């Protein structure tokens, strides 16, 4: 692996946001117009011309596993295939989209049914990547952000499919209807806004409790930036107590619990209504999401005008100075069991650099040489958050989580915490599992 690439992503984001004038995102792309979205049938970016020898030599079938059910259903993935085939006409691409990807990919990896290309399991320790994925050629990771986040012992295994920050996505018309004339910048103001929205007959926050995976933002997905330390998790490899009510874990969880207890979220907590929720936000029936910028194009694609959708840092306290993260979206990689690895490498390069996915989905580009165009990110930056860039932490943290059977980035345990009668008791039970895992693994 080549020398680790030094990053200046915070600076690049700042410059990109100041110049932003369009785009949208679902977690892995940037778009060419303010209203662009997965449903807007974006045209892939022009591909570099392939040599005749490449076209002749590379062919065959690839199976690609994805979390993007919407892009499969609306034909966007098929359009990516058409563009890819302009370069590699003998290639055939089969997509399989999974609604509960975070959980299902774990099973597929263990059964050897993970296709040729897939989005990496976010909870998989880097030490185990070589068991399931093929190392990437060095040239694929040149000038790419987060190139070393999915690396182990000198090999890199995944390309990020977008750069995200996260915060509150909101419907401006819903805010206006509820008489909210200023975006909340403190926790108390956020609670006041939620009450005004409820009083106006609007669902204040669509939490997507039933979908599970969006709940990660109320826990491990946000703890590090709330703590102000992107290596915050590393210390717990040698500690028996992971969760505390009076620390960042409890700080975020108590916000989520208050929203549920006050009835400021969707009424149906049992059902996975992720796809439906986008229409609720777009129409103004619901006002807010706590998600990444990748979700903005999906809301626009569900019927909202781009100018009616805004984005601001979540005010997790009353201090007024907030942190916000910069992190990668899903990583895409090549299965170790693929029979067509060379073509698979070409596909993931195409997907990240040429398909148009990143722009159409409102992401910051992964390629350092690309320019982002997302107006909502300009609004986000206007609140002057302190951006903290994701860095590679101690891989033993995820290993311990797996051993303790705490489904980080899956959401099931967070469902239980949100409705637990006694949060301290629930944390105590999880800490007991964590301590047992440390003892078993010798950490």
Protein backbone atom coordinates (compact mmCIF):
# COMPACT_ATOMS: atom_id res chain seq x y z
CA UNK A 1 0.00 0.00 0.00
CA UNK A 2 1.31 3.42 -0.78
CA UNK A 3 2.06 5.91 1.93
CA UNK A 4 -1.08 7.04 3.75
CA UNK A 5 -2.61 10.05 2.07
CA UNK A 6 -2.69 13.15 4.22
CA UNK A 7 -6.07 14.83 4.20
CA UNK A 8 -7.32 18.37 4.30
CA UNK A 9 -10.96 17.48 3.99
CA UNK A 10 -12.18 20.09 6.43
CA UNK A 11 -10.66 22.81 4.27
CA UNK A 12 -12.01 21.25 1.09
CA UNK A 13 -15.50 20.98 2.54
CA UNK A 14 -15.39 24.61 3.63
CA UNK A 15 -14.34 25.71 0.15
CA UNK A 16 -16.88 23.42 -1.47
CA UNK A 17 -19.70 24.67 0.70
CA UNK A 18 -18.93 28.31 0.05
CA UNK A 19 -19.13 27.62 -3.69
CA UNK A 20 -22.05 25.18 -3.53
CA UNK A 21 -24.87 25.98 -5.90
CA UNK A 22 -26.72 22.74 -6.45
CA UNK A 23 -26.95 19.06 -5.89
CA UNK A 24 -28.47 16.53 -3.62
CA UNK A 25 -27.44 13.28 -2.01
CA UNK A 26 -28.48 9.97 -0.64
CA UNK A 27 -25.25 9.11 0.88
CA UNK A 28 -22.99 8.70 -2.10
CA UNK A 29 -23.14 11.27 -4.78
CA UNK A 30 -23.34 14.90 -5.86
CA UNK A 31 -25.79 16.25 -8.34
CA UNK A 32 -25.70 18.73 -11.17
CA UNK A 33 -28.82 20.67 -10.20
CA UNK A 34 -30.50 21.68 -6.95
CA UNK A 35 -33.41 19.35 -7.62
CA UNK A 36 -31.34 16.36 -8.64
CA UNK A 37 -32.14 13.16 -6.78
CA UNK A 38 -32.18 9.41 -7.32
CA UNK A 39 -35.66 9.78 -8.75
CA UNK A 40 -34.61 12.55 -11.09
CA UNK A 41 -32.93 10.09 -13.45
CA UNK A 42 -29.50 11.71 -13.27
CA UNK A 43 -27.19 11.16 -16.19
CA UNK A 44 -23.92 9.50 -15.26
CA UNK A 45 -20.78 11.57 -15.69
CA UNK A 46 -18.86 11.02 -18.94
CA UNK A 47 -16.60 8.01 -18.85
CA UNK A 48 -13.09 8.02 -20.12
CA UNK A 49 -12.82 6.19 -23.39
CA UNK A 50 -11.80 2.57 -22.98
CA UNK A 51 -9.21 1.11 -25.29
CA UNK A 52 -10.34 -1.58 -27.74
CA UNK A 53 -8.19 -4.11 -25.92
CA UNK A 54 -9.92 -3.37 -22.62
CA UNK A 55 -13.32 -3.75 -24.22
CA UNK A 56 -12.34 -7.09 -25.71
CA UNK A 57 -10.59 -8.52 -22.68
CA UNK A 58 -12.98 -7.52 -19.94
CA UNK A 59 -16.41 -9.07 -19.93
CA UNK A 60 -18.63 -11.44 -18.05
CA UNK A 61 -21.22 -11.06 -15.32
CA UNK A 62 -21.03 -9.21 -12.03
CA UNK A 63 -23.51 -9.44 -9.19
CA UNK A 64 -23.69 -6.25 -7.14
CA UNK A 65 -25.32 -6.11 -3.71
CA UNK A 66 -26.63 -2.71 -2.66
CA UNK A 67 -28.60 -0.95 0.06
CA UNK A 68 -30.22 1.32 -2.53
CA UNK A 69 -33.59 -0.26 -3.13
CA UNK A 70 -34.86 3.04 -4.52
CA UNK A 71 -32.22 3.19 -7.25
CA UNK A 72 -33.03 -0.34 -8.33
CA UNK A 73 -36.75 0.37 -8.43
CA UNK A 74 -36.53 3.63 -10.37
CA UNK A 75 -34.11 2.32 -13.01
CA UNK A 76 -31.11 4.43 -11.99
CA UNK A 77 -28.89 1.40 -11.49
CA UNK A 78 -29.83 0.16 -14.94
CA UNK A 79 -28.72 3.48 -16.39
CA UNK A 80 -25.40 3.11 -14.59
CA UNK A 81 -25.05 -0.30 -16.23
CA UNK A 82 -25.73 1.17 -19.66
CA UNK A 83 -23.00 3.74 -19.12
CA UNK A 84 -20.59 1.10 -17.85
CA UNK A 85 -21.30 -1.03 -20.91
CA UNK A 86 -20.27 1.84 -23.18
CA UNK A 87 -16.81 1.23 -21.82
CA UNK A 88 -17.02 -2.54 -21.30
CA UNK A 89 -19.67 -3.80 -23.75
CA UNK A 90 -19.22 -7.45 -22.81
CA UNK A 91 -20.06 -6.80 -19.15
CA UNK A 92 -23.36 -7.84 -17.62
CA UNK A 93 -24.44 -6.42 -14.25
CA UNK A 94 -27.05 -7.96 -11.96
CA UNK A 95 -28.17 -5.92 -8.94
CA UNK A 96 -29.70 -7.16 -5.73
CA UNK A 97 -31.00 -4.52 -3.33
CA UNK A 98 -31.68 -5.35 0.32
CA UNK A 99 -33.99 -3.29 2.53
CA UNK A 100 -32.24 -4.26 5.78
CA UNK A 101 -28.75 -4.18 4.31
CA UNK A 102 -26.83 -3.58 7.55
CA UNK A 103 -28.08 -6.87 8.94
CA UNK A 104 -28.40 -8.92 5.76
CA UNK A 105 -24.86 -8.32 4.51
CA UNK A 106 -23.48 -9.97 7.65
CA UNK A 107 -25.30 -13.18 6.73
CA UNK A 108 -24.27 -12.99 3.09
CA UNK A 109 -20.61 -12.64 4.00
CA UNK A 110 -20.64 -15.65 6.30
CA UNK A 111 -22.50 -17.82 3.77
CA UNK A 112 -20.27 -16.80 0.86
CA UNK A 113 -23.20 -15.25 -1.04
CA UNK A 114 -21.96 -11.66 -1.12
CA UNK A 115 -21.84 -11.29 -4.90
CA UNK A 116 -18.89 -9.88 -6.81
CA UNK A 117 -19.26 -6.33 -5.52
CA UNK A 118 -20.95 -5.12 -2.36
CA UNK A 119 -21.09 -2.35 0.20
CA UNK A 120 -18.80 -3.33 3.06
CA UNK A 121 -20.30 -4.35 6.39
CA UNK A 122 -19.70 -1.21 8.50
CA UNK A 123 -19.25 -3.22 11.70
CA UNK A 124 -16.67 -5.63 10.28
CA UNK A 125 -13.27 -5.20 12.01
CA UNK A 126 -10.49 -4.24 9.60
CA UNK A 127 -8.59 -7.30 10.76
CA UNK A 128 -11.29 -9.46 9.15
CA UNK A 129 -11.56 -7.63 5.82
CA UNK A 130 -9.13 -10.01 4.11
CA UNK A 131 -11.46 -12.90 4.93
CA UNK A 132 -14.16 -11.52 2.67
CA UNK A 133 -12.68 -8.89 0.34
CA UNK A 134 -9.99 -8.60 -2.30
CA UNK A 135 -7.24 -5.98 -1.78
CA UNK A 136 -7.64 -3.00 -4.10
CA UNK A 137 -4.97 -1.97 -6.60
CA UNK A 138 -3.11 1.12 -5.36
CA UNK A 139 -4.15 3.19 -8.36
CA UNK A 140 -7.82 2.93 -7.34
CA UNK A 141 -7.21 4.74 -4.07
CA UNK A 142 -5.00 7.59 -5.29
CA UNK A 143 -6.41 11.05 -4.47
CA UNK A 144 -9.36 9.50 -2.65
CA UNK A 145 -10.53 10.52 0.80
CA UNK A 146 -10.71 7.91 3.56
CA UNK A 147 -8.48 5.57 1.54
CA UNK A 148 -7.02 4.09 4.71
CA UNK A 149 -10.16 3.66 6.79
CA UNK A 150 -10.75 0.18 5.40
CA UNK A 151 -7.16 -1.03 5.41
CA UNK A 152 -5.20 -3.72 7.22
CA UNK A 153 -1.56 -4.77 7.10
CA UNK A 154 -0.74 -2.68 4.05
CA UNK A 155 -3.82 -3.50 1.96
CA UNK A 156 -6.88 -1.37 1.26
CA UNK A 157 -10.23 -3.05 0.78
CA UNK A 158 -12.85 -0.41 0.02
CA UNK A 159 -13.59 2.91 -1.66
CA UNK A 160 -15.93 5.33 0.08
CA UNK A 161 -19.01 6.07 -2.02
CA UNK A 162 -19.47 9.59 -0.69
CA UNK A 163 -18.50 12.05 2.03
CA UNK A 164 -21.14 12.96 4.58
CA UNK A 165 -21.83 15.20 7.46
CA UNK A 166 -25.00 14.82 9.50
CA UNK A 167 -27.56 16.99 11.16
CA UNK A 168 -31.19 17.99 10.95
CA UNK A 169 -32.80 17.92 7.51
CA UNK A 170 -35.94 20.02 7.70
CA UNK A 171 -38.91 21.18 5.66
CA UNK A 172 -38.89 24.99 5.64
CA UNK A 173 -42.60 25.22 4.87
CA UNK A 174 -43.43 23.03 7.85
CA UNK A 175 -41.33 25.28 10.07
CA UNK A 176 -43.09 28.37 8.74
CA UNK A 177 -46.52 26.80 9.25
CA UNK A 178 -45.61 26.14 12.88
CA UNK A 179 -44.43 29.71 13.37
CA UNK A 180 -40.74 28.82 13.63
CA UNK A 181 -38.83 31.73 12.13
CA UNK A 182 -35.34 30.78 13.26
CA UNK A 183 -33.48 27.50 12.97
CA UNK A 184 -32.80 26.14 16.49
CA UNK A 185 -29.17 26.40 17.51
CA UNK A 186 -29.55 25.14 21.10
CA UNK A 187 -31.13 22.02 22.52
CA UNK A 188 -33.81 23.98 24.33
CA UNK A 189 -34.71 25.76 21.11
CA UNK A 190 -34.94 22.39 19.35
CA UNK A 191 -37.40 21.16 21.97
CA UNK A 192 -39.42 24.38 21.65
CA UNK A 193 -39.55 23.94 17.88
CA UNK A 194 -40.69 20.33 18.26
CA UNK A 195 -43.57 21.41 20.50
CA UNK A 196 -44.63 24.13 18.07
CA UNK A 197 -44.64 21.61 15.23
CA UNK A 198 -46.75 19.17 17.22
CA UNK A 199 -49.18 21.95 18.13
CA UNK A 200 -49.50 22.71 14.40
CA UNK A 201 -50.41 19.09 13.64
CA UNK A 202 -47.04 18.28 12.10
CA UNK A 203 -44.88 15.30 13.09
CA UNK A 204 -41.83 17.11 14.52
CA UNK A 205 -39.23 14.39 13.80
CA UNK A 206 -39.48 11.23 11.73
CA UNK A 207 -37.13 8.99 13.70
CA UNK A 208 -37.64 5.85 11.60
CA UNK A 209 -37.60 3.76 14.74
CA UNK A 210 -39.05 0.75 12.92
CA UNK A 211 -36.34 0.77 10.25
CA UNK A 212 -33.65 0.36 12.94
CA UNK A 213 -30.60 1.48 10.94
CA UNK A 214 -31.37 5.25 11.10
CA UNK A 215 -31.20 5.05 14.89
CA UNK A 216 -27.42 4.79 14.81
CA UNK A 217 -27.22 8.59 14.71
CA UNK A 218 -28.59 8.67 18.25
CA UNK A 219 -25.73 6.51 19.43
CA UNK A 220 -22.43 5.32 17.92
CA UNK A 221 -23.03 7.32 14.75
CA UNK A 222 -22.73 10.62 16.63
CA UNK A 223 -21.02 9.94 19.95
CA UNK A 224 -17.53 10.80 18.72
CA UNK A 225 -18.28 14.26 17.38
CA UNK A 226 -20.46 15.09 20.38
CA UNK A 227 -17.51 14.08 22.57
CA UNK A 228 -15.24 16.24 20.41
CA UNK A 229 -12.87 13.34 19.84
CA UNK A 230 -12.98 11.18 16.71
CA UNK A 231 -10.84 8.58 18.51
CA UNK A 232 -13.19 8.56 21.49
CA UNK A 233 -14.02 4.85 21.12
CA UNK A 234 -10.41 3.71 21.44
CA UNK A 235 -10.29 4.17 25.21
CA UNK A 236 -13.06 1.64 25.75
CA UNK A 237 -10.98 -1.23 24.43
CA UNK A 238 -9.35 -1.27 27.87
CA UNK A 239 -12.39 -0.25 29.95
CA UNK A 240 -15.30 -2.34 31.19
CA UNK A 241 -17.78 0.54 31.21
CA UNK A 242 -18.68 1.69 27.71
CA UNK A 243 -22.09 3.31 28.17
CA UNK A 244 -22.75 6.07 30.70
CA UNK A 245 -25.87 8.13 31.18
CA UNK A 246 -23.92 11.29 31.96
CA UNK A 247 -21.53 11.00 28.98
CA UNK A 248 -21.98 11.48 25.22
CA UNK A 249 -23.81 8.15 24.86
CA UNK A 250 -26.43 9.14 27.40
CA UNK A 251 -26.56 12.73 26.18
CA UNK A 252 -27.69 11.65 22.73
CA UNK A 253 -29.91 8.84 23.96
CA UNK A 254 -31.79 11.11 26.32
CA UNK A 255 -32.57 13.48 23.45
CA UNK A 256 -33.99 10.58 21.46
CA UNK A 257 -35.93 9.33 24.48
CA UNK A 258 -37.45 12.77 25.10
CA UNK A 259 -38.66 12.98 21.51
CA UNK A 260 -40.39 9.62 21.88
CA UNK A 261 -41.75 10.31 25.36
CA UNK A 262 -43.18 13.67 24.27
CA UNK A 263 -44.80 12.15 21.18
CA UNK A 264 -42.64 14.23 18.85
CA UNK A 265 -42.00 11.31 16.47
CA UNK A 266 -44.06 9.11 14.18
CA UNK A 267 -46.92 7.28 15.89
CA UNK A 268 -46.18 3.88 14.33
CA UNK A 269 -42.88 2.83 15.88
CA UNK A 270 -43.18 -0.84 14.97
CA UNK A 271 -43.17 -0.67 11.17
CA UNK A 272 -40.28 0.00 8.81
CA UNK A 273 -41.66 3.07 7.02
CA UNK A 274 -38.39 4.38 5.64
CA UNK A 275 -39.57 4.78 2.06
CA UNK A 276 -42.87 6.35 3.13
CA UNK A 277 -41.14 8.73 5.53
CA UNK A 278 -39.38 10.53 2.70
CA UNK A 279 -42.75 11.58 1.31
CA UNK A 280 -43.84 12.72 4.75
CA UNK A 281 -40.85 15.04 5.03
CA UNK A 282 -41.21 16.19 1.43
CA UNK A 283 -44.88 17.11 1.88
CA UNK A 284 -44.39 18.78 5.26
CA UNK A 285 -46.52 16.26 7.14
CA UNK A 286 -43.31 15.61 9.08
CA UNK A 287 -40.74 18.32 9.61
CA UNK A 288 -37.35 16.84 10.46
CA UNK A 289 -34.92 13.97 9.98
CA UNK A 290 -31.70 13.46 11.94
CA UNK A 291 -29.62 11.99 9.12
CA UNK A 292 -26.71 12.68 6.80
CA UNK A 293 -26.72 15.00 3.82
CA UNK A 294 -27.12 11.92 1.62
CA UNK A 295 -30.84 11.88 2.49
CA UNK A 296 -31.50 15.35 1.06
CA UNK A 297 -31.83 14.21 -2.60
CA UNK A 298 -34.12 11.41 -1.50
CA UNK A 299 -36.49 13.92 0.10
CA UNK A 300 -36.33 16.07 -3.02
CA UNK A 301 -36.94 12.97 -5.11
CA UNK A 302 -40.05 12.28 -3.03
CA UNK A 303 -41.59 15.54 -4.19
CA UNK A 304 -40.06 18.45 -2.29
CA UNK A 305 -38.64 21.49 -4.03
CA UNK A 306 -34.95 21.85 -3.27
CA UNK A 307 -35.45 25.38 -1.97
CA UNK A 308 -37.94 24.07 0.62
CA UNK A 309 -35.44 21.69 2.21
CA UNK A 310 -32.80 22.90 4.65
CA UNK A 311 -30.03 21.42 6.76
CA UNK A 312 -28.51 22.49 10.08
CA UNK A 313 -26.22 20.97 12.74
CA UNK A 314 -28.06 19.11 15.47
CA UNK A 315 -27.99 21.23 18.64
CA UNK A 316 -27.11 18.52 21.15
CA UNK A 317 -26.56 21.00 24.00
CA UNK A 318 -27.11 24.65 24.90
CA UNK A 319 -23.55 25.88 24.45
CA UNK A 320 -24.09 27.34 21.00
CA UNK A 321 -20.83 25.97 19.57
CA UNK A 322 -21.45 22.65 17.89
CA UNK A 323 -19.31 19.94 16.37
CA UNK A 324 -20.25 18.13 13.17
CA UNK A 325 -18.62 15.08 11.59
CA UNK A 326 -17.05 14.49 8.23
CA UNK A 327 -17.21 10.83 7.37
CA UNK A 328 -17.53 8.39 4.52
CA UNK A 329 -20.73 6.82 3.35
CA UNK A 330 -20.76 3.09 2.65
CA UNK A 331 -17.53 1.65 1.28
CA UNK A 332 -17.73 -0.44 -1.86
CA UNK A 333 -15.44 -3.40 -2.39
CA UNK A 334 -14.79 -6.56 -4.36
CA UNK A 335 -15.71 -9.92 -2.90
CA UNK A 336 -12.85 -12.32 -2.28
CA UNK A 337 -15.00 -15.03 -3.88
CA UNK A 338 -15.59 -13.11 -7.11
CA UNK A 339 -14.67 -15.01 -10.27
CA UNK A 340 -14.30 -11.77 -12.21
CA UNK A 341 -12.17 -9.54 -9.99
CA UNK A 342 -10.58 -7.42 -12.72
CA UNK A 343 -13.96 -6.35 -14.08
CA UNK A 344 -15.19 -5.84 -10.52
CA UNK A 345 -12.32 -3.42 -9.85
CA UNK A 346 -13.28 -1.48 -12.97
CA UNK A 347 -16.88 -1.36 -11.83
CA UNK A 348 -16.19 0.09 -8.38
CA UNK A 349 -13.89 2.71 -9.89
CA UNK A 350 -16.61 3.61 -12.38
CA UNK A 351 -19.26 3.70 -9.66
CA UNK A 352 -17.34 6.12 -7.47
CA UNK A 353 -15.79 8.34 -10.14
CA UNK A 354 -17.97 8.22 -13.24
CA UNK A 355 -21.49 6.91 -12.64
CA UNK A 356 -22.92 10.17 -11.30
CA UNK A 357 -24.02 8.48 -8.07
CA UNK A 358 -22.10 10.83 -5.78
CA UNK A 359 -23.44 14.02 -7.33
CA UNK A 360 -27.00 12.80 -7.65
CA UNK A 361 -27.10 11.81 -4.02
CA UNK A 362 -25.82 15.00 -2.47
CA UNK A 363 -22.52 13.69 -1.20
CA UNK A 364 -19.28 15.49 -0.98
CA UNK A 365 -17.06 13.88 -3.63
CA UNK A 366 -14.60 11.19 -2.56
CA UNK A 367 -12.24 12.12 -5.38
CA UNK A 368 -10.18 15.07 -4.16
CA UNK A 369 -10.19 16.55 -7.64
CA UNK A 370 -14.00 16.75 -7.90
CA UNK A 371 -16.06 19.81 -6.91
CA UNK A 372 -19.24 19.46 -4.74
CA UNK A 373 -22.44 21.33 -5.55
CA UNK A 374 -24.96 21.00 -2.71
CA UNK A 375 -26.87 24.14 -1.61
CA UNK A 376 -28.05 22.64 1.67
CA UNK A 377 -24.42 22.13 2.70
CA UNK A 378 -23.88 25.86 2.27
CA UNK A 379 -26.67 26.51 4.75
CA UNK A 380 -25.22 23.92 7.11
CA UNK A 381 -21.81 25.57 7.07
CA UNK A 382 -23.34 28.99 7.73
CA UNK A 383 -23.89 27.87 11.32
CA UNK A 384 -20.11 27.56 11.69
CA UNK A 385 -19.89 24.06 13.11
CA UNK A 386 -16.51 22.68 14.08
CA UNK A 387 -15.97 19.94 11.50
CA UNK A 388 -14.24 16.82 12.79
CA UNK A 389 -12.93 14.37 10.20
CA UNK A 390 -13.37 10.64 10.63
CA UNK A 391 -10.11 8.79 11.28
CA UNK A 392 -9.23 5.13 11.59
CA UNK A 393 -9.66 4.03 15.19
CA UNK A 394 -8.68 0.91 17.11
CA UNK A 395 -10.15 -2.06 15.18
CA UNK A 396 -10.62 -3.92 18.44
CA UNK A 397 -13.61 -1.72 19.26
CA UNK A 398 -15.79 -3.28 16.55
CA UNK A 399 -14.37 -6.68 17.37
CA UNK A 400 -15.48 -6.27 20.96
CA UNK A 401 -18.88 -5.07 19.85
CA UNK A 402 -19.36 -8.17 17.73
CA UNK A 403 -18.23 -10.43 20.55
CA UNK A 404 -20.54 -8.68 22.98
CA UNK A 405 -23.38 -9.02 20.46
CA UNK A 406 -24.03 -5.27 20.47
CA UNK A 407 -25.18 -4.53 16.94
CA UNK A 408 -23.35 -1.28 16.29
CA UNK A 409 -24.73 0.42 13.16
CA UNK A 410 -27.63 -2.04 13.06
CA UNK A 411 -29.98 -0.26 15.43
CA UNK A 412 -31.77 -3.06 17.25
CA UNK A 413 -30.14 -2.42 20.62
CA UNK A 414 -30.88 1.30 20.24
CA UNK A 415 -34.57 0.54 19.81
CA UNK A 416 -34.47 -1.15 23.19
CA UNK A 417 -32.60 1.74 24.82
CA UNK A 418 -35.00 4.38 23.52
CA UNK A 419 -38.00 2.73 25.17
CA UNK A 420 -36.25 1.26 28.21
CA UNK A 421 -37.95 2.15 31.50
CA UNK A 422 -34.55 2.66 33.15
CA UNK A 423 -31.72 3.79 30.85
CA UNK A 424 -29.08 3.24 33.53
CA UNK A 425 -30.18 -0.36 34.03
CA UNK A 426 -30.17 -0.93 30.27
CA UNK A 427 -26.67 0.51 30.03
CA UNK A 428 -25.54 -1.64 32.94
CA UNK A 429 -26.67 -4.76 31.07
CA UNK A 430 -24.78 -3.72 27.94
CA UNK A 431 -21.69 -2.86 29.96
CA UNK A 432 -21.78 -6.32 31.49
CA UNK A 433 -21.73 -7.85 28.01
CA UNK A 434 -18.92 -5.50 27.00
CA UNK A 435 -16.82 -6.45 30.03
CA UNK A 436 -17.39 -10.15 29.35
CA UNK A 437 -16.27 -9.69 25.74
CA UNK A 438 -13.11 -7.91 26.89
CA UNK A 439 -12.33 -10.76 29.24
CA UNK A 440 -12.91 -13.38 26.56
CA UNK A 441 -10.73 -11.60 24.00
CA UNK A 442 -8.08 -10.72 26.53
CA UNK A 443 -8.31 -6.94 26.11
